[in-house]
């Protein structure tokens, strides 16, 4: 499943970047996610804050009890995360004193 991560900055700032990954499962609120890159020493770590499911419905029709429901599809899944410095954080992702 394709999952889009949006990095939420400090209060009052707008999200400024994101990443997309194919994943076997869905991160949940409170999960700790670590991302490594081959060109970077260390890692970037995040805590999942919210998961947004964007769904497409095939129309206005809803099913009455006992009728077969119309099936929609998942358009996208957006996971909001906040930086979480950790012991393996890259220099770029270490807290500023």
PDB file of N, CA and C in Angstrom:
ATOM      1  N   UNK A   1       0.847  -1.172   0.000  1.00  0.00           N
ATOM      2  CA  UNK A   1       0.000   0.000   0.000  1.00  0.00           C
ATOM      3  C   UNK A   1       0.894   1.237   0.000  1.00  0.00           C
ATOM      4  N   UNK A   2       0.548   2.202  -0.833  1.00  0.00           N
ATOM      5  CA  UNK A   2       1.311   3.452  -0.898  1.00  0.00           C
ATOM      6  C   UNK A   2       0.868   4.358   0.252  1.00  0.00           C
ATOM      7  N   UNK A   3       1.850   4.837   1.002  1.00  0.00           N
ATOM      8  CA  UNK A   3       1.593   5.706   2.145  1.00  0.00           C
ATOM      9  C   UNK A   3       2.405   6.985   1.965  1.00  0.00           C
ATOM     10  N   UNK A   4       1.737   8.124   2.100  1.00  0.00           N
ATOM     11  CA  UNK A   4       2.410   9.420   2.014  1.00  0.00           C
ATOM     12  C   UNK A   4       2.632   9.946   3.429  1.00  0.00           C
ATOM     13  N   UNK A   5       3.872  10.282   3.746  1.00  0.00           N
ATOM     14  CA  UNK A   5       4.206  10.872   5.037  1.00  0.00           C
ATOM     15  C   UNK A   5       4.334  12.376   4.862  1.00  0.00           C
ATOM     16  N   UNK A   6       3.659  13.143   5.707  1.00  0.00           N
ATOM     17  CA  UNK A   6       3.775  14.599   5.725  1.00  0.00           C
ATOM     18  C   UNK A   6       4.420  14.963   7.055  1.00  0.00           C
ATOM     19  N   UNK A   7       5.503  15.713   6.987  1.00  0.00           N
ATOM     20  CA  UNK A   7       6.231  16.085   8.195  1.00  0.00           C
ATOM     21  C   UNK A   7       5.654  17.397   8.717  1.00  0.00           C
ATOM     22  N   UNK A   8       5.136  17.347   9.937  1.00  0.00           N
ATOM     23  CA  UNK A   8       4.517  18.507  10.572  1.00  0.00           C
ATOM     24  C   UNK A   8       5.578  19.223  11.403  1.00  0.00           C
ATOM     25  N   UNK A   9       5.888  20.478  11.074  1.00  0.00           N
ATOM     26  CA  UNK A   9       6.897  21.226  11.826  1.00  0.00           C
ATOM     27  C   UNK A   9       6.342  21.753  13.146  1.00  0.00           C
ATOM     28  N   UNK A  10       7.104  22.627  13.759  1.00  0.00           N
ATOM     29  CA  UNK A  10       6.677  23.221  15.033  1.00  0.00           C
ATOM     30  C   UNK A  10       5.374  23.994  14.865  1.00  0.00           C
ATOM     31  N   UNK A  11       4.725  24.279  15.983  1.00  0.00           N
ATOM     32  CA  UNK A  11       3.447  25.001  15.979  1.00  0.00           C
ATOM     33  C   UNK A  11       3.591  26.320  15.224  1.00  0.00           C
ATOM     34  N   UNK A  12       2.632  26.595  14.362  1.00  0.00           N
ATOM     35  CA  UNK A  12       2.615  27.834  13.612  1.00  0.00           C
ATOM     36  C   UNK A  12       3.304  27.767  12.262  1.00  0.00           C
ATOM     37  N   UNK A  13       4.007  26.673  11.984  1.00  0.00           N
ATOM     38  CA  UNK A  13       4.673  26.519  10.697  1.00  0.00           C
ATOM     39  C   UNK A  13       3.851  25.603   9.801  1.00  0.00           C
ATOM     40  N   UNK A  14       3.993  25.776   8.495  1.00  0.00           N
ATOM     41  CA  UNK A  14       3.282  24.948   7.527  1.00  0.00           C
ATOM     42  C   UNK A  14       4.106  23.699   7.210  1.00  0.00           C
ATOM     43  N   UNK A  15       3.433  22.584   6.911  1.00  0.00           N
ATOM     44  CA  UNK A  15       4.181  21.398   6.466  1.00  0.00           C
ATOM     45  C   UNK A  15       4.996  21.763   5.225  1.00  0.00           C
ATOM     46  N   UNK A  16       6.273  21.396   5.231  1.00  0.00           N
ATOM     47  CA  UNK A  16       7.103  21.818   4.107  1.00  0.00           C
ATOM     48  C   UNK A  16       7.663  20.677   3.276  1.00  0.00           C
ATOM     49  N   UNK A  17       7.508  19.454   3.708  1.00  0.00           N
ATOM     50  CA  UNK A  17       7.965  18.357   2.865  1.00  0.00           C
ATOM     51  C   UNK A  17       7.312  17.044   3.267  1.00  0.00           C
ATOM     52  N   UNK A  18       7.427  16.088   2.370  1.00  0.00           N
ATOM     53  CA  UNK A  18       6.846  14.781   2.617  1.00  0.00           C
ATOM     54  C   UNK A  18       7.563  13.721   1.804  1.00  0.00           C
ATOM     55  N   UNK A  19       7.237  12.484   2.095  1.00  0.00           N
ATOM     56  CA  UNK A  19       7.840  11.330   1.433  1.00  0.00           C
ATOM     57  C   UNK A  19       6.756  10.294   1.190  1.00  0.00           C
ATOM     58  N   UNK A  20       6.944   9.456   0.186  1.00  0.00           N
ATOM     59  CA  UNK A  20       5.982   8.387  -0.080  1.00  0.00           C
ATOM     60  C   UNK A  20       6.715   7.048  -0.083  1.00  0.00           C
ATOM     61  N   UNK A  21       6.045   6.022   0.451  1.00  0.00           N
ATOM     62  CA  UNK A  21       6.618   4.682   0.523  1.00  0.00           C
ATOM     63  C   UNK A  21       5.560   3.641   0.211  1.00  0.00           C
ATOM     64  N   UNK A  22       5.987   2.518  -0.365  1.00  0.00           N
ATOM     65  CA  UNK A  22       5.141   1.334  -0.466  1.00  0.00           C
ATOM     66  C   UNK A  22       5.373   0.564   0.829  1.00  0.00           C
ATOM     67  N   UNK A  23       4.300   0.250   1.544  1.00  0.00           N
ATOM     68  CA  UNK A  23       4.431  -0.408   2.846  1.00  0.00           C
ATOM     69  C   UNK A  23       3.505  -1.617   2.933  1.00  0.00           C
ATOM     70  N   UNK A  24       3.901  -2.623   3.710  1.00  0.00           N
ATOM     71  CA  UNK A  24       3.053  -3.807   3.868  1.00  0.00           C
ATOM     72  C   UNK A  24       1.905  -3.593   4.844  1.00  0.00           C
ATOM     73  N   UNK A  25       1.976  -2.543   5.644  1.00  0.00           N
ATOM     74  CA  UNK A  25       0.939  -2.258   6.636  1.00  0.00           C
ATOM     75  C   UNK A  25       0.817  -0.764   6.845  1.00  0.00           C
ATOM     76  N   UNK A  26      -0.090  -0.392   7.736  1.00  0.00           N
ATOM     77  CA  UNK A  26      -0.381   1.018   7.969  1.00  0.00           C
ATOM     78  C   UNK A  26       0.172   1.471   9.317  1.00  0.00           C
ATOM     79  N   UNK A  27       0.996   2.531   9.352  1.00  0.00           N
ATOM     80  CA  UNK A  27       1.434   3.070  10.635  1.00  0.00           C
ATOM     81  C   UNK A  27       0.224   3.585  11.419  1.00  0.00           C
ATOM     82  N   UNK A  28       0.301   3.473  12.727  1.00  0.00           N
ATOM     83  CA  UNK A  28      -0.779   3.920  13.609  1.00  0.00           C
ATOM     84  C   UNK A  28      -0.275   5.054  14.502  1.00  0.00           C
ATOM     85  N   UNK A  29      -1.204   5.822  15.037  1.00  0.00           N
ATOM     86  CA  UNK A  29      -0.865   6.912  15.946  1.00  0.00           C
ATOM     87  C   UNK A  29       0.049   6.388  17.048  1.00  0.00           C
ATOM     88  N   UNK A  30       1.147   7.111  17.280  1.00  0.00           N
ATOM     89  CA  UNK A  30       2.102   6.736  18.314  1.00  0.00           C
ATOM     90  C   UNK A  30       3.255   5.880  17.815  1.00  0.00           C
ATOM     91  N   UNK A  31       3.149   5.336  16.592  1.00  0.00           N
ATOM     92  CA  UNK A  31       4.242   4.526  16.053  1.00  0.00           C
ATOM     93  C   UNK A  31       5.483   5.384  15.843  1.00  0.00           C
ATOM     94  N   UNK A  32       6.633   4.770  16.002  1.00  0.00           N
ATOM     95  CA  UNK A  32       7.927   5.398  15.795  1.00  0.00           C
ATOM     96  C   UNK A  32       8.427   4.941  14.431  1.00  0.00           C
ATOM     97  N   UNK A  33       8.704   5.878  13.531  1.00  0.00           N
ATOM     98  CA  UNK A  33       9.141   5.563  12.173  1.00  0.00           C
ATOM     99  C   UNK A  33      10.542   6.126  11.977  1.00  0.00           C
ATOM    100  N   UNK A  34      11.463   5.307  11.472  1.00  0.00           N
ATOM    101  CA  UNK A  34      12.823   5.745  11.200  1.00  0.00           C
ATOM    102  C   UNK A  34      13.108   5.575   9.717  1.00  0.00           C
ATOM    103  N   UNK A  35      13.654   6.611   9.106  1.00  0.00           N
ATOM    104  CA  UNK A  35      13.955   6.593   7.677  1.00  0.00           C
ATOM    105  C   UNK A  35      15.450   6.812   7.497  1.00  0.00           C
ATOM    106  N   UNK A  36      16.086   5.937   6.730  1.00  0.00           N
ATOM    107  CA  UNK A  36      17.507   6.084   6.411  1.00  0.00           C
ATOM    108  C   UNK A  36      17.652   6.372   4.921  1.00  0.00           C
ATOM    109  N   UNK A  37      18.754   7.023   4.589  1.00  0.00           N
ATOM    110  CA  UNK A  37      19.058   7.328   3.185  1.00  0.00           C
ATOM    111  C   UNK A  37      20.510   6.938   2.925  1.00  0.00           C
ATOM    112  N   UNK A  38      20.785   6.352   1.764  1.00  0.00           N
ATOM    113  CA  UNK A  38      22.152   5.885   1.504  1.00  0.00           C
ATOM    114  C   UNK A  38      23.192   7.003   1.501  1.00  0.00           C
ATOM    115  N   UNK A  39      22.808   8.214   1.127  1.00  0.00           N
ATOM    116  CA  UNK A  39      23.774   9.312   1.044  1.00  0.00           C
ATOM    117  C   UNK A  39      23.931  10.062   2.366  1.00  0.00           C
ATOM    118  N   UNK A  40      23.262   9.612   3.426  1.00  0.00           N
ATOM    119  CA  UNK A  40      23.252  10.354   4.685  1.00  0.00           C
ATOM    120  C   UNK A  40      23.640   9.438   5.845  1.00  0.00           C
ATOM    121  N   UNK A  41      24.592   9.896   6.668  1.00  0.00           N
ATOM    122  CA  UNK A  41      24.935   9.147   7.873  1.00  0.00           C
ATOM    123  C   UNK A  41      23.855   9.407   8.912  1.00  0.00           C
ATOM    124  N   UNK A  42      23.413   8.383   9.582  1.00  0.00           N
ATOM    125  CA  UNK A  42      22.357   8.537  10.578  1.00  0.00           C
ATOM    126  C   UNK A  42      20.989   8.375   9.952  1.00  0.00           C
ATOM    127  N   UNK A  43      19.970   8.801  10.682  1.00  0.00           N
ATOM    128  CA  UNK A  43      18.589   8.586  10.250  1.00  0.00           C
ATOM    129  C   UNK A  43      17.719   9.771  10.648  1.00  0.00           C
ATOM    130  N   UNK A  44      16.503   9.758  10.133  1.00  0.00           N
ATOM    131  CA  UNK A  44      15.472  10.714  10.545  1.00  0.00           C
ATOM    132  C   UNK A  44      14.373   9.900  11.207  1.00  0.00           C
ATOM    133  N   UNK A  45      13.990  10.276  12.406  1.00  0.00           N
ATOM    134  CA  UNK A  45      12.971   9.532  13.146  1.00  0.00           C
ATOM    135  C   UNK A  45      11.764  10.419  13.402  1.00  0.00           C
ATOM    136  N   UNK A  46      10.588   9.789  13.399  1.00  0.00           N
ATOM    137  CA  UNK A  46       9.327  10.507  13.518  1.00  0.00           C
ATOM    138  C   UNK A  46       8.356   9.735  14.401  1.00  0.00           C
ATOM    139  N   UNK A  47       7.410  10.458  14.981  1.00  0.00           N
ATOM    140  CA  UNK A  47       6.292   9.858  15.700  1.00  0.00           C
ATOM    141  C   UNK A  47       5.039  10.138  14.883  1.00  0.00           C
ATOM    142  N   UNK A  48       4.234   9.105  14.635  1.00  0.00           N
ATOM    143  CA  UNK A  48       2.986   9.269  13.884  1.00  0.00           C
ATOM    144  C   UNK A  48       1.962   9.962  14.775  1.00  0.00           C
ATOM    145  N   UNK A  49       1.367  11.050  14.288  1.00  0.00           N
ATOM    146  CA  UNK A  49       0.353  11.799  15.036  1.00  0.00           C
ATOM    147  C   UNK A  49      -1.058  11.521  14.538  1.00  0.00           C
ATOM    148  N   UNK A  50      -1.262  11.484  13.217  1.00  0.00           N
ATOM    149  CA  UNK A  50      -2.603  11.256  12.643  1.00  0.00           C
ATOM    150  C   UNK A  50      -2.472  10.482  11.345  1.00  0.00           C
ATOM    151  N   UNK A  51      -3.527   9.753  11.006  1.00  0.00           N
ATOM    152  CA  UNK A  51      -3.605   9.066   9.717  1.00  0.00           C
ATOM    153  C   UNK A  51      -4.881   9.530   9.026  1.00  0.00           C
ATOM    154  N   UNK A  52      -4.745  10.050   7.805  1.00  0.00           N
ATOM    155  CA  UNK A  52      -5.897  10.520   7.019  1.00  0.00           C
ATOM    156  C   UNK A  52      -6.143   9.533   5.882  1.00  0.00           C
ATOM    157  N   UNK A  53      -7.342   9.013   5.809  1.00  0.00           N
ATOM    158  CA  UNK A  53      -7.748   8.117   4.725  1.00  0.00           C
ATOM    159  C   UNK A  53      -8.568   8.931   3.732  1.00  0.00           C
ATOM    160  N   UNK A  54      -8.118   9.026   2.502  1.00  0.00           N
ATOM    161  CA  UNK A  54      -8.840   9.721   1.443  1.00  0.00           C
ATOM    162  C   UNK A  54      -9.529   8.648   0.598  1.00  0.00           C
ATOM    163  N   UNK A  55     -10.867   8.627   0.637  1.00  0.00           N
ATOM    164  CA  UNK A  55     -11.642   7.583  -0.031  1.00  0.00           C
ATOM    165  C   UNK A  55     -12.456   8.150  -1.183  1.00  0.00           C
ATOM    166  N   UNK A  56     -12.591   7.373  -2.247  1.00  0.00           N
ATOM    167  CA  UNK A  56     -13.422   7.731  -3.397  1.00  0.00           C
ATOM    168  C   UNK A  56     -14.659   6.850  -3.395  1.00  0.00           C
ATOM    169  N   UNK A  57     -15.823   7.483  -3.447  1.00  0.00           N
ATOM    170  CA  UNK A  57     -17.090   6.759  -3.536  1.00  0.00           C
ATOM    171  C   UNK A  57     -17.516   6.755  -5.000  1.00  0.00           C
ATOM    172  N   UNK A  58     -18.038   5.620  -5.498  1.00  0.00           N
ATOM    173  CA  UNK A  58     -18.415   5.554  -6.912  1.00  0.00           C
ATOM    174  C   UNK A  58     -19.665   6.354  -7.261  1.00  0.00           C
ATOM    175  N   UNK A  59     -20.320   6.943  -6.303  1.00  0.00           N
ATOM    176  CA  UNK A  59     -21.510   7.729  -6.601  1.00  0.00           C
ATOM    177  C   UNK A  59     -22.247   8.086  -5.335  1.00  0.00           C
ATOM    178  N   UNK A  60     -23.459   8.591  -5.497  1.00  0.00           N
ATOM    179  CA  UNK A  60     -24.267   8.994  -4.348  1.00  0.00           C
ATOM    180  C   UNK A  60     -25.022   7.829  -3.729  1.00  0.00           C
ATOM    181  N   UNK A  61     -25.045   6.717  -4.413  1.00  0.00           N
ATOM    182  CA  UNK A  61     -25.860   5.593  -3.953  1.00  0.00           C
ATOM    183  C   UNK A  61     -25.338   5.026  -2.637  1.00  0.00           C
ATOM    184  N   UNK A  62     -26.251   4.804  -1.723  1.00  0.00           N
ATOM    185  CA  UNK A  62     -25.948   4.092  -0.491  1.00  0.00           C
ATOM    186  C   UNK A  62     -26.824   2.859  -0.472  1.00  0.00           C
ATOM    187  N   UNK A  63     -26.388   1.840   0.212  1.00  0.00           N
ATOM    188  CA  UNK A  63     -27.143   0.589   0.226  1.00  0.00           C
ATOM    189  C   UNK A  63     -28.149   0.584   1.366  1.00  0.00           C
ATOM    190  N   UNK A  64     -29.330   0.116   1.086  1.00  0.00           N
ATOM    191  CA  UNK A  64     -30.325  -0.092   2.140  1.00  0.00           C
ATOM    192  C   UNK A  64     -29.990  -1.400   2.835  1.00  0.00           C
ATOM    193  N   UNK A  65     -30.497  -1.566   4.027  1.00  0.00           N
ATOM    194  CA  UNK A  65     -30.247  -2.800   4.773  1.00  0.00           C
ATOM    195  C   UNK A  65     -30.618  -4.003   3.913  1.00  0.00           C
ATOM    196  N   UNK A  66     -29.738  -4.955   3.839  1.00  0.00           N
ATOM    197  CA  UNK A  66     -29.985  -6.171   3.079  1.00  0.00           C
ATOM    198  C   UNK A  66     -29.558  -6.080   1.628  1.00  0.00           C
ATOM    199  N   UNK A  67     -29.316  -4.882   1.118  1.00  0.00           N
ATOM    200  CA  UNK A  67     -28.870  -4.724  -0.265  1.00  0.00           C
ATOM    201  C   UNK A  67     -27.342  -4.763  -0.311  1.00  0.00           C
ATOM    202  N   UNK A  68     -26.832  -5.077  -1.463  1.00  0.00           N
ATOM    203  CA  UNK A  68     -25.377  -5.123  -1.618  1.00  0.00           C
ATOM    204  C   UNK A  68     -24.840  -3.684  -1.701  1.00  0.00           C
ATOM    205  N   UNK A  69     -23.897  -3.305  -0.831  1.00  0.00           N
ATOM    206  CA  UNK A  69     -23.385  -1.934  -0.848  1.00  0.00           C
ATOM    207  C   UNK A  69     -22.494  -1.684  -2.066  1.00  0.00           C
ATOM    208  N   UNK A  70     -22.464  -0.438  -2.491  1.00  0.00           N
ATOM    209  CA  UNK A  70     -21.566  -0.019  -3.561  1.00  0.00           C
ATOM    210  C   UNK A  70     -20.178   0.105  -2.944  1.00  0.00           C
ATOM    211  N   UNK A  71     -19.168  -0.427  -3.621  1.00  0.00           N
ATOM    212  CA  UNK A  71     -17.821  -0.433  -3.068  1.00  0.00           C
ATOM    213  C   UNK A  71     -16.991   0.701  -3.649  1.00  0.00           C
ATOM    214  N   UNK A  72     -16.412   1.502  -2.770  1.00  0.00           N
ATOM    215  CA  UNK A  72     -15.515   2.573  -3.177  1.00  0.00           C
ATOM    216  C   UNK A  72     -14.080   2.078  -3.150  1.00  0.00           C
ATOM    217  N   UNK A  73     -13.139   3.007  -3.235  1.00  0.00           N
ATOM    218  CA  UNK A  73     -11.729   2.620  -3.191  1.00  0.00           C
ATOM    219  C   UNK A  73     -10.928   3.649  -2.400  1.00  0.00           C
ATOM    220  N   UNK A  74      -9.758   3.231  -1.988  1.00  0.00           N
ATOM    221  CA  UNK A  74      -8.848   4.120  -1.283  1.00  0.00           C
ATOM    222  C   UNK A  74      -8.104   4.966  -2.307  1.00  0.00           C
ATOM    223  N   UNK A  75      -8.218   6.273  -2.187  1.00  0.00           N
ATOM    224  CA  UNK A  75      -7.516   7.194  -3.072  1.00  0.00           C
ATOM    225  C   UNK A  75      -6.082   7.364  -2.584  1.00  0.00           C
ATOM    226  N   UNK A  76      -5.916   7.686  -1.300  1.00  0.00           N
ATOM    227  CA  UNK A  76      -4.586   7.838  -0.719  1.00  0.00           C
ATOM    228  C   UNK A  76      -4.673   7.760   0.796  1.00  0.00           C
ATOM    229  N   UNK A  77      -3.522   7.514   1.392  1.00  0.00           N
ATOM    230  CA  UNK A  77      -3.403   7.511   2.846  1.00  0.00           C
ATOM    231  C   UNK A  77      -2.282   8.481   3.187  1.00  0.00           C
ATOM    232  N   UNK A  78      -2.597   9.456   4.039  1.00  0.00           N
ATOM    233  CA  UNK A  78      -1.620  10.470   4.426  1.00  0.00           C
ATOM    234  C   UNK A  78      -1.353  10.334   5.920  1.00  0.00           C
ATOM    235  N   UNK A  79      -0.079  10.184   6.264  1.00  0.00           N
ATOM    236  CA  UNK A  79       0.334  10.009   7.654  1.00  0.00           C
ATOM    237  C   UNK A  79       1.067  11.269   8.093  1.00  0.00           C
ATOM    238  N   UNK A  80       0.522  11.966   9.097  1.00  0.00           N
ATOM    239  CA  UNK A  80       1.180  13.153   9.657  1.00  0.00           C
ATOM    240  C   UNK A  80       2.161  12.707  10.731  1.00  0.00           C
ATOM    241  N   UNK A  81       3.396  13.212  10.648  1.00  0.00           N
ATOM    242  CA  UNK A  81       4.439  12.854  11.612  1.00  0.00           C
ATOM    243  C   UNK A  81       5.135  14.098  12.132  1.00  0.00           C
ATOM    244  N   UNK A  82       5.712  13.972  13.318  1.00  0.00           N
ATOM    245  CA  UNK A  82       6.554  15.023  13.894  1.00  0.00           C
ATOM    246  C   UNK A  82       7.952  14.454  14.098  1.00  0.00           C
ATOM    247  N   UNK A  83       8.978  15.306  13.912  1.00  0.00           N
ATOM    248  CA  UNK A  83      10.348  14.871  14.162  1.00  0.00           C
ATOM    249  C   UNK A  83      10.488  14.392  15.597  1.00  0.00           C
ATOM    250  N   UNK A  84      11.272  13.356  15.778  1.00  0.00           N
ATOM    251  CA  UNK A  84      11.569  12.820  17.105  1.00  0.00           C
ATOM    252  C   UNK A  84      13.054  12.469  17.121  1.00  0.00           C
ATOM    253  N   UNK A  85      13.895  13.351  17.676  1.00  0.00           N
ATOM    254  CA  UNK A  85      15.325  13.046  17.713  1.00  0.00           C
ATOM    255  C   UNK A  85      15.575  11.733  18.445  1.00  0.00           C
ATOM    256  N   UNK A  86      16.513  10.960  17.928  1.00  0.00           N
ATOM    257  CA  UNK A  86      16.847   9.681  18.539  1.00  0.00           C
ATOM    258  C   UNK A  86      18.350   9.484  18.564  1.00  0.00           C
ATOM    259  N   UNK A  87      18.798   8.354  19.109  1.00  0.00           N
ATOM    260  CA  UNK A  87      20.235   8.121  19.251  1.00  0.00           C
ATOM    261  C   UNK A  87      20.968   7.981  17.916  1.00  0.00           C
ATOM    262  N   UNK A  88      20.266   7.682  16.845  1.00  0.00           N
ATOM    263  CA  UNK A  88      20.899   7.510  15.539  1.00  0.00           C
ATOM    264  C   UNK A  88      20.548   8.640  14.571  1.00  0.00           C
ATOM    265  N   UNK A  89      20.059   9.761  15.099  1.00  0.00           N
ATOM    266  CA  UNK A  89      19.677  10.889  14.249  1.00  0.00           C
ATOM    267  C   UNK A  89      20.876  11.428  13.483  1.00  0.00           C
ATOM    268  N   UNK A  90      20.644  11.772  12.225  1.00  0.00           N
ATOM    269  CA  UNK A  90      21.691  12.412  11.432  1.00  0.00           C
ATOM    270  C   UNK A  90      21.919  13.812  11.995  1.00  0.00           C
ATOM    271  N   UNK A  91      23.033  14.419  11.635  1.00  0.00           N
ATOM    272  CA  UNK A  91      23.328  15.779  12.108  1.00  0.00           C
ATOM    273  C   UNK A  91      22.190  16.729  11.749  1.00  0.00           C
ATOM    274  N   UNK A  92      21.629  16.552  10.567  1.00  0.00           N
ATOM    275  CA  UNK A  92      20.536  17.399  10.084  1.00  0.00           C
ATOM    276  C   UNK A  92      19.286  17.283  10.953  1.00  0.00           C
ATOM    277  N   UNK A  93      19.113  16.142  11.620  1.00  0.00           N
ATOM    278  CA  UNK A  93      17.896  15.901  12.389  1.00  0.00           C
ATOM    279  C   UNK A  93      18.106  15.893  13.902  1.00  0.00           C
ATOM    280  N   UNK A  94      19.275  16.356  14.351  1.00  0.00           N
ATOM    281  CA  UNK A  94      19.510  16.476  15.791  1.00  0.00           C
ATOM    282  C   UNK A  94      18.901  17.778  16.284  1.00  0.00           C
ATOM    283  N   UNK A  95      18.469  17.811  17.558  1.00  0.00           N
ATOM    284  CA  UNK A  95      17.869  19.045  18.084  1.00  0.00           C
ATOM    285  C   UNK A  95      18.872  20.190  18.120  1.00  0.00           C
ATOM    286  N   UNK A  96      18.364  21.392  17.900  1.00  0.00           N
ATOM    287  CA  UNK A  96      19.194  22.596  17.957  1.00  0.00           C
ATOM    288  C   UNK A  96      19.207  23.081  19.401  1.00  0.00           C
ATOM    289  N   UNK A  97      20.417  23.248  19.995  1.00  0.00           N
ATOM    290  CA  UNK A  97      20.468  23.693  21.406  1.00  0.00           C
ATOM    291  C   UNK A  97      20.035  25.122  21.575  1.00  0.00           C
TER     292      UNK A  97
END
